[in-house]
Amino acid sequence: MPKKGYEIAINLAKEDLSKLTPEEICRNTGVAWDGSDFIIPWYNKEVKLCDGNIEEQIIWYHYMLANGPKLERNRFISYKQVPGAIIYNDNFIKRAINPMVQMFKDDLDTFLEIGQALGGVRASHGHMAFTLKVLPYVSLTYVIWEGDDEIPANGNILFDESAIEWFCAEDLVVLASLPVYLMMSYKRKGRTSYFHDCVPELD
């Protein structure tokens, strides 16, 4: 979505959100209210809504408006199983899968280390995988398979089945890609051995 499209979407979301009380929103989504702004549990840190970049903010607004299920199902689905995904699948691969695989296919230990630094827990998929709770009730699993002489390296990003009740197919592309870009930023900067509880924003 172009930047102008995000701005329009955020303005519409703000209007819809104003019809709910902070107490309702917090109860429905697991976010917090500090009296002036919402505090979003995002990876393993907490971020004020106003401090997110434009893509993060639209994801957070849509999450707060969704009032989805309060429990994850621990059953993971691929993006192709998301309703409406056929329209965005090529973009999902281009924005999320391909960059992740190209950056980490030859360094799976760093892939896991960065994932764990963001709060991820190692998962039993592919040759290396971790599950990352990106929001209070939404988890994604990042997976890479090593390649060989005959088969190139590949990857996937799986969604807890309940994610489709929080987000539409287009939003899930953005949601899946944001951690990938953050992980890539750490890898480029060589920040693979000294993470802290509070993960800094992308430059």
N, C-alpha and C. Protein backbone atom coordinates (compact mmCIF):
# COMPACT_ATOMS: atom_id res chain seq x y z
N MET A 1 0.84 -1.19 0.00
CA MET A 1 0.00 0.00 0.00
C MET A 1 0.88 1.25 0.00
N PRO A 2 0.67 2.22 -0.91
CA PRO A 2 1.44 3.45 -0.90
C PRO A 2 1.26 4.21 0.40
N LYS A 3 2.24 5.09 0.71
CA LYS A 3 2.21 5.83 1.97
C LYS A 3 0.89 6.60 2.13
N LYS A 4 0.42 7.23 1.05
CA LYS A 4 -0.83 7.99 1.15
C LYS A 4 -1.98 7.07 1.53
N GLY A 5 -1.96 5.85 0.99
CA GLY A 5 -3.00 4.88 1.33
C GLY A 5 -2.97 4.53 2.80
N TYR A 6 -1.76 4.39 3.38
CA TYR A 6 -1.64 4.12 4.81
C TYR A 6 -2.20 5.27 5.63
N GLU A 7 -1.90 6.49 5.20
CA GLU A 7 -2.39 7.66 5.94
C GLU A 7 -3.91 7.71 5.95
N ILE A 8 -4.51 7.40 4.81
CA ILE A 8 -5.97 7.37 4.74
C ILE A 8 -6.52 6.28 5.65
N ALA A 9 -5.87 5.10 5.60
CA ALA A 9 -6.32 3.97 6.43
C ALA A 9 -6.19 4.30 7.92
N ILE A 10 -5.10 4.97 8.30
CA ILE A 10 -4.92 5.34 9.71
C ILE A 10 -5.99 6.33 10.15
N ASN A 11 -6.30 7.31 9.31
CA ASN A 11 -7.33 8.29 9.67
C ASN A 11 -8.69 7.62 9.85
N LEU A 12 -9.00 6.67 8.98
CA LEU A 12 -10.26 5.94 9.12
C LEU A 12 -10.26 5.10 10.39
N ALA A 13 -9.12 4.47 10.68
CA ALA A 13 -9.02 3.64 11.88
C ALA A 13 -9.14 4.50 13.14
N LYS A 14 -8.53 5.66 13.14
CA LYS A 14 -8.64 6.56 14.29
C LYS A 14 -10.10 6.93 14.55
N GLU A 15 -10.82 7.19 13.48
CA GLU A 15 -12.24 7.54 13.62
C GLU A 15 -13.02 6.39 14.24
N ASP A 16 -12.76 5.17 13.75
CA ASP A 16 -13.46 4.01 14.29
C ASP A 16 -13.05 3.74 15.74
N LEU A 17 -11.76 3.94 16.03
CA LEU A 17 -11.27 3.66 17.38
C LEU A 17 -11.85 4.65 18.40
N SER A 18 -12.12 5.85 17.94
CA SER A 18 -12.67 6.87 18.85
C SER A 18 -14.06 6.50 19.37
N LYS A 19 -14.70 5.53 18.74
CA LYS A 19 -16.02 5.10 19.17
C LYS A 19 -15.96 4.09 20.31
N LEU A 20 -14.74 3.64 20.63
CA LEU A 20 -14.53 2.68 21.72
C LEU A 20 -13.81 3.36 22.87
N THR A 21 -14.02 2.88 24.08
CA THR A 21 -13.29 3.41 25.23
C THR A 21 -11.93 2.72 25.32
N PRO A 22 -10.93 3.40 25.91
CA PRO A 22 -9.64 2.74 26.11
C PRO A 22 -9.77 1.43 26.88
N GLU A 23 -10.68 1.39 27.85
CA GLU A 23 -10.87 0.17 28.63
C GLU A 23 -11.33 -0.99 27.76
N GLU A 24 -12.26 -0.72 26.84
CA GLU A 24 -12.73 -1.76 25.92
C GLU A 24 -11.59 -2.27 25.05
N ILE A 25 -10.82 -1.34 24.51
CA ILE A 25 -9.73 -1.70 23.61
C ILE A 25 -8.69 -2.55 24.33
N CYS A 26 -8.32 -2.15 25.53
CA CYS A 26 -7.33 -2.90 26.31
C CYS A 26 -7.84 -4.29 26.64
N ARG A 27 -9.10 -4.37 27.04
CA ARG A 27 -9.71 -5.66 27.39
C ARG A 27 -9.77 -6.58 26.17
N ASN A 28 -10.01 -6.02 25.01
CA ASN A 28 -10.18 -6.83 23.80
C ASN A 28 -8.87 -7.28 23.17
N THR A 29 -7.77 -6.56 23.43
CA THR A 29 -6.56 -6.80 22.65
C THR A 29 -5.30 -7.06 23.47
N GLY A 30 -5.31 -6.80 24.77
CA GLY A 30 -4.11 -6.99 25.57
C GLY A 30 -3.13 -5.84 25.52
N VAL A 31 -3.49 -4.72 24.88
CA VAL A 31 -2.65 -3.53 24.92
C VAL A 31 -2.93 -2.79 26.23
N ALA A 32 -2.17 -1.73 26.50
CA ALA A 32 -2.36 -0.95 27.72
C ALA A 32 -2.62 0.52 27.37
N TRP A 33 -3.12 1.27 28.32
CA TRP A 33 -3.43 2.69 28.16
C TRP A 33 -2.76 3.45 29.28
N ASP A 34 -1.94 4.45 28.94
CA ASP A 34 -1.22 5.19 29.98
C ASP A 34 -1.86 6.53 30.33
N GLY A 35 -3.08 6.73 29.84
CA GLY A 35 -3.78 7.97 30.10
C GLY A 35 -3.73 8.94 28.94
N SER A 36 -2.76 8.74 28.04
CA SER A 36 -2.67 9.61 26.88
C SER A 36 -2.44 8.86 25.57
N ASP A 37 -1.93 7.64 25.66
CA ASP A 37 -1.67 6.87 24.46
C ASP A 37 -1.72 5.38 24.79
N PHE A 38 -1.90 4.58 23.74
CA PHE A 38 -1.88 3.12 23.91
C PHE A 38 -0.44 2.62 23.91
N ILE A 39 -0.19 1.62 24.74
CA ILE A 39 1.12 0.97 24.81
C ILE A 39 0.97 -0.41 24.17
N ILE A 40 1.72 -0.65 23.12
CA ILE A 40 1.58 -1.87 22.34
C ILE A 40 2.68 -2.87 22.69
N PRO A 41 2.36 -4.07 23.19
CA PRO A 41 3.37 -5.13 23.31
C PRO A 41 3.76 -5.59 21.90
N TRP A 42 4.98 -5.33 21.52
CA TRP A 42 5.43 -5.53 20.14
C TRP A 42 6.75 -6.28 20.18
N TYR A 43 6.76 -7.55 19.73
CA TYR A 43 7.88 -8.45 19.97
C TYR A 43 8.08 -8.56 21.48
N ASN A 44 9.31 -8.30 21.95
CA ASN A 44 9.56 -8.43 23.38
C ASN A 44 9.74 -7.07 24.05
N LYS A 45 9.11 -6.04 23.51
CA LYS A 45 9.18 -4.72 24.12
C LYS A 45 7.79 -4.10 24.12
N GLU A 46 7.69 -2.90 24.68
CA GLU A 46 6.44 -2.16 24.66
C GLU A 46 6.68 -0.81 23.99
N VAL A 47 5.80 -0.44 23.07
CA VAL A 47 5.98 0.77 22.27
C VAL A 47 4.71 1.60 22.31
N LYS A 48 4.87 2.91 22.46
CA LYS A 48 3.71 3.79 22.37
C LYS A 48 3.20 3.81 20.94
N LEU A 49 1.89 3.83 20.78
CA LEU A 49 1.28 3.85 19.46
C LEU A 49 1.85 4.98 18.61
N CYS A 50 2.03 6.14 19.20
CA CYS A 50 2.50 7.30 18.44
C CYS A 50 3.94 7.16 17.97
N ASP A 51 4.70 6.23 18.56
CA ASP A 51 6.11 6.08 18.21
C ASP A 51 6.36 5.08 17.09
N GLY A 52 5.33 4.38 16.65
CA GLY A 52 5.51 3.42 15.56
C GLY A 52 5.66 4.10 14.22
N ASN A 53 6.33 3.43 13.28
CA ASN A 53 6.35 3.98 11.92
C ASN A 53 4.98 3.75 11.28
N ILE A 54 4.79 4.24 10.08
CA ILE A 54 3.46 4.26 9.49
C ILE A 54 2.91 2.84 9.26
N GLU A 55 3.78 1.91 8.89
CA GLU A 55 3.32 0.53 8.68
C GLU A 55 2.97 -0.13 10.00
N GLU A 56 3.79 0.10 11.03
CA GLU A 56 3.48 -0.45 12.34
C GLU A 56 2.16 0.11 12.86
N GLN A 57 1.97 1.41 12.71
CA GLN A 57 0.75 2.02 13.24
C GLN A 57 -0.51 1.46 12.59
N ILE A 58 -0.50 1.27 11.29
CA ILE A 58 -1.71 0.75 10.65
C ILE A 58 -1.99 -0.67 11.12
N ILE A 59 -0.94 -1.47 11.32
CA ILE A 59 -1.12 -2.81 11.86
C ILE A 59 -1.71 -2.73 13.27
N TRP A 60 -1.18 -1.86 14.09
CA TRP A 60 -1.65 -1.74 15.47
C TRP A 60 -3.09 -1.25 15.52
N TYR A 61 -3.42 -0.26 14.71
CA TYR A 61 -4.80 0.23 14.68
C TYR A 61 -5.76 -0.88 14.27
N HIS A 62 -5.41 -1.61 13.22
CA HIS A 62 -6.30 -2.68 12.76
C HIS A 62 -6.42 -3.78 13.82
N TYR A 63 -5.34 -4.06 14.50
CA TYR A 63 -5.39 -5.06 15.58
C TYR A 63 -6.34 -4.60 16.68
N MET A 64 -6.23 -3.35 17.08
CA MET A 64 -7.06 -2.85 18.18
C MET A 64 -8.53 -2.78 17.80
N LEU A 65 -8.82 -2.69 16.52
CA LEU A 65 -10.21 -2.62 16.07
C LEU A 65 -10.83 -4.00 15.85
N ALA A 66 -9.99 -5.02 15.74
CA ALA A 66 -10.50 -6.32 15.29
C ALA A 66 -11.30 -7.07 16.35
N ASN A 67 -10.86 -6.97 17.62
CA ASN A 67 -11.51 -7.74 18.69
C ASN A 67 -11.61 -9.22 18.32
N GLY A 68 -10.45 -9.79 17.99
CA GLY A 68 -10.41 -11.19 17.60
C GLY A 68 -10.45 -12.13 18.79
N PRO A 69 -10.14 -13.41 18.57
CA PRO A 69 -10.17 -14.40 19.65
C PRO A 69 -9.08 -14.11 20.67
N LYS A 70 -9.35 -14.38 21.92
CA LYS A 70 -8.39 -14.08 22.98
C LYS A 70 -7.40 -15.20 23.23
N LEU A 71 -7.55 -16.30 22.56
CA LEU A 71 -6.62 -17.42 22.70
C LEU A 71 -6.13 -17.85 21.34
N GLU A 72 -4.82 -18.10 21.24
CA GLU A 72 -4.29 -18.67 20.02
C GLU A 72 -4.61 -20.17 19.98
N ARG A 73 -4.64 -20.73 18.79
CA ARG A 73 -5.06 -22.12 18.65
C ARG A 73 -3.90 -23.11 18.55
N ASN A 74 -2.68 -22.57 18.42
CA ASN A 74 -1.50 -23.42 18.28
C ASN A 74 -1.62 -24.37 17.10
N ARG A 75 -2.35 -23.94 16.10
CA ARG A 75 -2.41 -24.62 14.80
C ARG A 75 -2.00 -23.58 13.76
N PHE A 76 -0.94 -23.90 13.02
CA PHE A 76 -0.39 -22.91 12.11
C PHE A 76 -0.80 -23.19 10.67
N ILE A 77 -1.04 -22.11 9.94
CA ILE A 77 -1.43 -22.20 8.54
C ILE A 77 -0.44 -21.41 7.69
N SER A 78 -0.34 -21.77 6.43
CA SER A 78 0.50 -21.02 5.50
C SER A 78 -0.28 -19.82 4.99
N TYR A 79 0.43 -18.91 4.35
CA TYR A 79 -0.25 -17.71 3.84
C TYR A 79 -1.29 -18.09 2.79
N LYS A 80 -1.02 -19.11 1.99
CA LYS A 80 -1.97 -19.51 0.95
C LYS A 80 -3.32 -19.95 1.52
N GLN A 81 -3.34 -20.32 2.79
CA GLN A 81 -4.59 -20.73 3.43
C GLN A 81 -5.39 -19.56 3.99
N VAL A 82 -4.84 -18.37 3.92
CA VAL A 82 -5.52 -17.17 4.41
C VAL A 82 -6.57 -16.74 3.40
N PRO A 83 -7.80 -16.46 3.81
CA PRO A 83 -8.82 -15.99 2.86
C PRO A 83 -8.35 -14.73 2.12
N GLY A 84 -8.45 -14.77 0.79
CA GLY A 84 -8.05 -13.64 -0.02
C GLY A 84 -6.57 -13.58 -0.35
N ALA A 85 -5.79 -14.57 0.09
CA ALA A 85 -4.34 -14.52 -0.09
C ALA A 85 -3.91 -14.61 -1.54
N ILE A 86 -4.73 -15.19 -2.39
CA ILE A 86 -4.32 -15.37 -3.78
C ILE A 86 -3.96 -14.05 -4.45
N ILE A 87 -4.59 -12.97 -4.01
CA ILE A 87 -4.33 -11.65 -4.61
C ILE A 87 -2.95 -11.13 -4.19
N TYR A 88 -2.51 -11.47 -2.99
CA TYR A 88 -1.30 -10.87 -2.42
C TYR A 88 -0.15 -11.86 -2.29
N ASN A 89 -0.31 -13.10 -2.74
CA ASN A 89 0.71 -14.12 -2.47
C ASN A 89 2.06 -13.76 -3.08
N ASP A 90 2.07 -13.24 -4.31
CA ASP A 90 3.34 -12.87 -4.93
C ASP A 90 4.04 -11.77 -4.12
N ASN A 91 3.26 -10.84 -3.62
CA ASN A 91 3.83 -9.76 -2.80
C ASN A 91 4.36 -10.30 -1.48
N PHE A 92 3.65 -11.27 -0.91
CA PHE A 92 4.08 -11.91 0.33
C PHE A 92 5.45 -12.57 0.14
N ILE A 93 5.61 -13.29 -0.95
CA ILE A 93 6.88 -13.95 -1.23
C ILE A 93 7.98 -12.92 -1.46
N LYS A 94 7.66 -11.88 -2.22
CA LYS A 94 8.66 -10.85 -2.55
C LYS A 94 9.07 -10.04 -1.33
N ARG A 95 8.12 -9.70 -0.47
CA ARG A 95 8.39 -8.81 0.65
C ARG A 95 8.92 -9.52 1.88
N ALA A 96 8.50 -10.76 2.09
CA ALA A 96 8.81 -11.44 3.34
C ALA A 96 9.68 -12.68 3.16
N ILE A 97 9.25 -13.61 2.31
CA ILE A 97 9.96 -14.89 2.20
C ILE A 97 11.33 -14.73 1.55
N ASN A 98 11.38 -14.16 0.36
CA ASN A 98 12.64 -14.07 -0.38
C ASN A 98 13.73 -13.30 0.37
N PRO A 99 13.44 -12.12 0.93
CA PRO A 99 14.50 -11.42 1.67
C PRO A 99 15.03 -12.21 2.85
N MET A 100 14.13 -12.88 3.57
CA MET A 100 14.55 -13.68 4.73
C MET A 100 15.48 -14.81 4.30
N VAL A 101 15.08 -15.53 3.26
CA VAL A 101 15.88 -16.68 2.81
C VAL A 101 17.24 -16.22 2.29
N GLN A 102 17.25 -15.18 1.48
CA GLN A 102 18.51 -14.70 0.90
C GLN A 102 19.48 -14.22 1.98
N MET A 103 18.96 -13.59 3.01
CA MET A 103 19.83 -13.06 4.06
C MET A 103 20.36 -14.14 5.00
N PHE A 104 19.55 -15.18 5.27
CA PHE A 104 19.91 -16.11 6.34
C PHE A 104 20.14 -17.55 5.90
N LYS A 105 20.00 -17.86 4.62
CA LYS A 105 20.09 -19.26 4.20
C LYS A 105 21.44 -19.90 4.52
N ASP A 106 22.50 -19.09 4.59
CA ASP A 106 23.82 -19.63 4.89
C ASP A 106 24.26 -19.33 6.32
N ASP A 107 23.34 -18.85 7.13
CA ASP A 107 23.70 -18.51 8.51
C ASP A 107 22.49 -18.75 9.42
N LEU A 108 22.12 -20.00 9.52
CA LEU A 108 20.93 -20.35 10.29
C LEU A 108 21.09 -20.10 11.78
N ASP A 109 22.31 -20.19 12.29
CA ASP A 109 22.51 -19.93 13.70
C ASP A 109 22.20 -18.47 14.04
N THR A 110 22.63 -17.58 13.16
CA THR A 110 22.34 -16.16 13.37
C THR A 110 20.85 -15.89 13.22
N PHE A 111 20.22 -16.55 12.28
CA PHE A 111 18.77 -16.45 12.09
C PHE A 111 18.04 -16.76 13.39
N LEU A 112 18.43 -17.87 14.03
CA LEU A 112 17.79 -18.25 15.29
C LEU A 112 18.17 -17.28 16.41
N GLU A 113 19.43 -16.88 16.45
CA GLU A 113 19.89 -15.99 17.53
C GLU A 113 19.13 -14.67 17.50
N ILE A 114 18.96 -14.11 16.32
CA ILE A 114 18.24 -12.84 16.20
C ILE A 114 16.76 -13.06 16.54
N GLY A 115 16.20 -14.16 16.05
CA GLY A 115 14.81 -14.45 16.38
C GLY A 115 14.58 -14.57 17.87
N GLN A 116 15.48 -15.23 18.56
CA GLN A 116 15.36 -15.38 20.01
C GLN A 116 15.55 -14.03 20.72
N ALA A 117 16.42 -13.18 20.17
CA ALA A 117 16.62 -11.86 20.76
C ALA A 117 15.35 -11.01 20.67
N LEU A 118 14.53 -11.28 19.68
CA LEU A 118 13.26 -10.58 19.54
C LEU A 118 12.15 -11.22 20.37
N GLY A 119 12.49 -12.27 21.09
CA GLY A 119 11.50 -12.94 21.93
C GLY A 119 11.01 -14.26 21.36
N GLY A 120 11.58 -14.69 20.23
CA GLY A 120 11.14 -15.92 19.60
C GLY A 120 11.59 -17.17 20.35
N VAL A 121 10.86 -18.26 20.12
CA VAL A 121 11.16 -19.55 20.72
C VAL A 121 11.39 -20.55 19.60
N ARG A 122 12.46 -21.31 19.70
CA ARG A 122 12.79 -22.25 18.62
C ARG A 122 11.63 -23.21 18.36
N ALA A 123 11.37 -23.47 17.09
CA ALA A 123 10.27 -24.35 16.67
C ALA A 123 10.81 -25.49 15.82
N SER A 124 10.05 -26.56 15.73
CA SER A 124 10.50 -27.77 15.03
C SER A 124 9.96 -27.81 13.61
N HIS A 125 10.35 -26.83 12.81
CA HIS A 125 9.99 -26.79 11.39
C HIS A 125 11.25 -26.59 10.58
N GLY A 126 11.29 -27.16 9.37
CA GLY A 126 12.41 -26.93 8.47
C GLY A 126 13.74 -27.31 9.10
N HIS A 127 14.82 -26.64 8.63
CA HIS A 127 16.13 -26.85 9.23
C HIS A 127 16.38 -25.88 10.38
N MET A 128 15.66 -24.76 10.38
CA MET A 128 15.72 -23.83 11.50
C MET A 128 14.44 -23.02 11.50
N ALA A 129 13.88 -22.82 12.69
CA ALA A 129 12.63 -22.07 12.79
C ALA A 129 12.46 -21.54 14.20
N PHE A 130 11.71 -20.47 14.32
CA PHE A 130 11.32 -19.95 15.63
C PHE A 130 9.93 -19.34 15.53
N THR A 131 9.22 -19.38 16.64
CA THR A 131 7.89 -18.77 16.73
C THR A 131 8.01 -17.48 17.52
N LEU A 132 7.48 -16.42 16.93
CA LEU A 132 7.59 -15.08 17.49
C LEU A 132 6.21 -14.52 17.79
N LYS A 133 5.98 -14.15 19.05
CA LYS A 133 4.73 -13.50 19.41
C LYS A 133 4.88 -12.02 19.07
N VAL A 134 4.25 -11.59 18.01
CA VAL A 134 4.40 -10.21 17.56
C VAL A 134 3.45 -9.26 18.28
N LEU A 135 2.29 -9.75 18.66
CA LEU A 135 1.28 -9.00 19.40
C LEU A 135 0.69 -9.92 20.46
N PRO A 136 -0.02 -9.39 21.45
CA PRO A 136 -0.45 -10.24 22.57
C PRO A 136 -1.16 -11.53 22.18
N TYR A 137 -1.94 -11.51 21.08
CA TYR A 137 -2.68 -12.71 20.70
C TYR A 137 -2.35 -13.18 19.28
N VAL A 138 -1.18 -12.79 18.78
CA VAL A 138 -0.82 -13.15 17.41
C VAL A 138 0.63 -13.63 17.36
N SER A 139 0.83 -14.87 16.89
CA SER A 139 2.17 -15.44 16.74
C SER A 139 2.42 -15.87 15.30
N LEU A 140 3.68 -15.73 14.88
CA LEU A 140 4.11 -16.16 13.55
C LEU A 140 5.31 -17.07 13.72
N THR A 141 5.47 -18.03 12.83
CA THR A 141 6.62 -18.93 12.85
C THR A 141 7.43 -18.74 11.57
N TYR A 142 8.70 -18.44 11.74
CA TYR A 142 9.62 -18.18 10.63
C TYR A 142 10.48 -19.42 10.40
N VAL A 143 10.51 -19.90 9.16
CA VAL A 143 11.11 -21.19 8.84
C VAL A 143 12.06 -21.06 7.66
N ILE A 144 13.22 -21.71 7.76
CA ILE A 144 14.15 -21.80 6.62
C ILE A 144 14.59 -23.25 6.45
N TRP A 145 14.61 -23.70 5.19
CA TRP A 145 15.19 -24.98 4.81
C TRP A 145 16.50 -24.71 4.07
N GLU A 146 17.55 -25.41 4.46
CA GLU A 146 18.82 -25.29 3.75
C GLU A 146 18.70 -25.88 2.35
N GLY A 147 19.44 -25.32 1.42
CA GLY A 147 19.49 -25.88 0.08
C GLY A 147 20.64 -26.85 -0.08
N ASP A 148 20.70 -27.46 -1.25
CA ASP A 148 21.84 -28.31 -1.60
C ASP A 148 22.11 -28.15 -3.09
N ASP A 149 22.88 -29.07 -3.66
CA ASP A 149 23.26 -28.94 -5.07
C ASP A 149 22.07 -29.04 -6.01
N GLU A 150 21.00 -29.66 -5.55
CA GLU A 150 19.85 -29.88 -6.43
C GLU A 150 18.65 -29.00 -6.09
N ILE A 151 18.50 -28.66 -4.81
CA ILE A 151 17.33 -27.91 -4.37
C ILE A 151 17.78 -26.62 -3.69
N PRO A 152 17.33 -25.47 -4.15
CA PRO A 152 17.72 -24.21 -3.52
C PRO A 152 17.11 -24.05 -2.13
N ALA A 153 17.73 -23.21 -1.32
CA ALA A 153 17.18 -22.91 0.01
C ALA A 153 15.78 -22.32 -0.15
N ASN A 154 14.96 -22.56 0.85
CA ASN A 154 13.58 -22.08 0.80
C ASN A 154 13.15 -21.67 2.21
N GLY A 155 12.01 -21.04 2.30
CA GLY A 155 11.52 -20.62 3.60
C GLY A 155 10.02 -20.46 3.60
N ASN A 156 9.49 -20.21 4.77
CA ASN A 156 8.05 -19.98 4.89
C ASN A 156 7.80 -19.19 6.17
N ILE A 157 6.66 -18.55 6.23
CA ILE A 157 6.20 -17.88 7.43
C ILE A 157 4.79 -18.38 7.70
N LEU A 158 4.61 -18.99 8.84
CA LEU A 158 3.32 -19.59 9.20
C LEU A 158 2.60 -18.71 10.21
N PHE A 159 1.30 -18.74 10.17
CA PHE A 159 0.47 -17.92 11.04
C PHE A 159 -0.36 -18.82 11.95
N ASP A 160 -0.47 -18.44 13.22
CA ASP A 160 -1.45 -19.12 14.04
C ASP A 160 -2.81 -18.97 13.37
N GLU A 161 -3.57 -20.03 13.37
CA GLU A 161 -4.84 -20.06 12.66
C GLU A 161 -5.76 -18.90 13.05
N SER A 162 -5.64 -18.43 14.28
CA SER A 162 -6.50 -17.35 14.76
C SER A 162 -6.15 -16.00 14.15
N ALA A 163 -4.99 -15.88 13.50
CA ALA A 163 -4.55 -14.59 12.95
C ALA A 163 -5.53 -14.04 11.92
N ILE A 164 -6.22 -14.94 11.22
CA ILE A 164 -7.14 -14.47 10.17
C ILE A 164 -8.38 -13.79 10.76
N GLU A 165 -8.58 -13.94 12.07
CA GLU A 165 -9.68 -13.24 12.72
C GLU A 165 -9.25 -11.87 13.25
N TRP A 166 -7.96 -11.62 13.19
CA TRP A 166 -7.43 -10.31 13.57
C TRP A 166 -7.12 -9.45 12.35
N PHE A 167 -6.65 -10.08 11.28
CA PHE A 167 -6.12 -9.33 10.15
C PHE A 167 -6.61 -9.88 8.82
N CYS A 168 -6.73 -8.99 7.85
CA CYS A 168 -7.03 -9.39 6.47
C CYS A 168 -5.74 -9.85 5.80
N ALA A 169 -5.85 -10.41 4.61
CA ALA A 169 -4.70 -10.95 3.89
C ALA A 169 -3.65 -9.89 3.61
N GLU A 170 -4.06 -8.69 3.25
CA GLU A 170 -3.12 -7.62 2.95
C GLU A 170 -2.32 -7.22 4.19
N ASP A 171 -3.01 -7.10 5.33
CA ASP A 171 -2.32 -6.75 6.57
C ASP A 171 -1.32 -7.82 6.98
N LEU A 172 -1.63 -9.08 6.73
CA LEU A 172 -0.73 -10.16 7.13
C LEU A 172 0.57 -10.14 6.34
N VAL A 173 0.55 -9.63 5.12
CA VAL A 173 1.80 -9.44 4.38
C VAL A 173 2.70 -8.46 5.12
N VAL A 174 2.12 -7.35 5.53
CA VAL A 174 2.89 -6.34 6.26
C VAL A 174 3.36 -6.89 7.60
N LEU A 175 2.46 -7.52 8.33
CA LEU A 175 2.80 -8.06 9.65
C LEU A 175 3.95 -9.05 9.56
N ALA A 176 3.94 -9.91 8.56
CA ALA A 176 5.00 -10.92 8.41
C ALA A 176 6.32 -10.32 7.99
N SER A 177 6.28 -9.25 7.21
CA SER A 177 7.51 -8.69 6.66
C SER A 177 8.25 -7.79 7.65
N LEU A 178 7.54 -7.15 8.57
CA LEU A 178 8.20 -6.21 9.48
C LEU A 178 9.30 -6.86 10.32
N PRO A 179 9.08 -8.04 10.93
CA PRO A 179 10.18 -8.68 11.66
C PRO A 179 11.34 -9.07 10.73
N VAL A 180 11.04 -9.43 9.50
CA VAL A 180 12.10 -9.80 8.56
C VAL A 180 13.04 -8.63 8.33
N TYR A 181 12.49 -7.44 8.11
CA TYR A 181 13.33 -6.27 7.87
C TYR A 181 14.13 -5.90 9.11
N LEU A 182 13.54 -6.09 10.28
CA LEU A 182 14.27 -5.82 11.51
C LEU A 182 15.43 -6.81 11.67
N MET A 183 15.18 -8.08 11.40
CA MET A 183 16.24 -9.10 11.49
C MET A 183 17.35 -8.82 10.49
N MET A 184 16.97 -8.41 9.29
CA MET A 184 17.97 -8.09 8.27
C MET A 184 18.83 -6.90 8.69
N SER A 185 18.21 -5.92 9.32
CA SER A 185 18.95 -4.75 9.79
C SER A 185 20.00 -5.16 10.82
N TYR A 186 19.62 -6.02 11.77
CA TYR A 186 20.58 -6.50 12.76
C TYR A 186 21.72 -7.26 12.09
N LYS A 187 21.39 -8.10 11.14
CA LYS A 187 22.42 -8.91 10.47
C LYS A 187 23.42 -8.01 9.76
N ARG A 188 22.93 -7.00 9.06
CA ARG A 188 23.82 -6.09 8.33
C ARG A 188 24.73 -5.32 9.27
N LYS A 189 24.20 -4.97 10.44
CA LYS A 189 24.97 -4.19 11.40
C LYS A 189 25.87 -5.06 12.28
N GLY A 190 25.81 -6.36 12.08
CA GLY A 190 26.64 -7.26 12.88
C GLY A 190 26.18 -7.41 14.30
N ARG A 191 24.92 -7.04 14.57
CA ARG A 191 24.41 -7.12 15.94
C ARG A 191 23.84 -8.51 16.20
N THR A 192 24.72 -9.47 16.29
CA THR A 192 24.24 -10.84 16.49
C THR A 192 24.66 -11.40 17.85
N SER A 193 25.38 -10.64 18.65
CA SER A 193 25.86 -11.21 19.91
C SER A 193 25.59 -10.34 21.12
N TYR A 194 24.93 -9.20 20.94
CA TYR A 194 24.68 -8.35 22.11
C TYR A 194 23.33 -7.66 22.01
N PHE A 195 22.28 -8.43 22.20
CA PHE A 195 20.94 -7.88 22.21
C PHE A 195 20.51 -7.58 23.63
N HIS A 196 19.59 -6.65 23.75
CA HIS A 196 19.04 -6.28 25.04
C HIS A 196 17.52 -6.51 25.02
N ASP A 197 16.90 -6.40 26.16
CA ASP A 197 15.45 -6.63 26.25
C ASP A 197 14.69 -5.66 25.37
N CYS A 198 15.14 -4.44 25.29
CA CYS A 198 14.46 -3.43 24.49
C CYS A 198 15.15 -3.35 23.13
N VAL A 199 14.48 -3.78 22.09
CA VAL A 199 15.05 -3.81 20.76
C VAL A 199 14.86 -2.45 20.10
N PRO A 200 15.92 -1.79 19.61
CA PRO A 200 15.77 -0.47 19.01
C PRO A 200 15.03 -0.52 17.68
N GLU A 201 14.47 0.61 17.28
CA GLU A 201 13.77 0.69 16.02
C GLU A 201 14.75 0.59 14.86
N LEU A 202 14.23 0.23 13.71
CA LEU A 202 15.03 0.28 12.50
C LEU A 202 15.42 1.72 12.19
N ASP A 203 16.63 1.91 11.67
CA ASP A 203 17.03 3.26 11.27
C ASP A 203 16.31 3.66 10.00
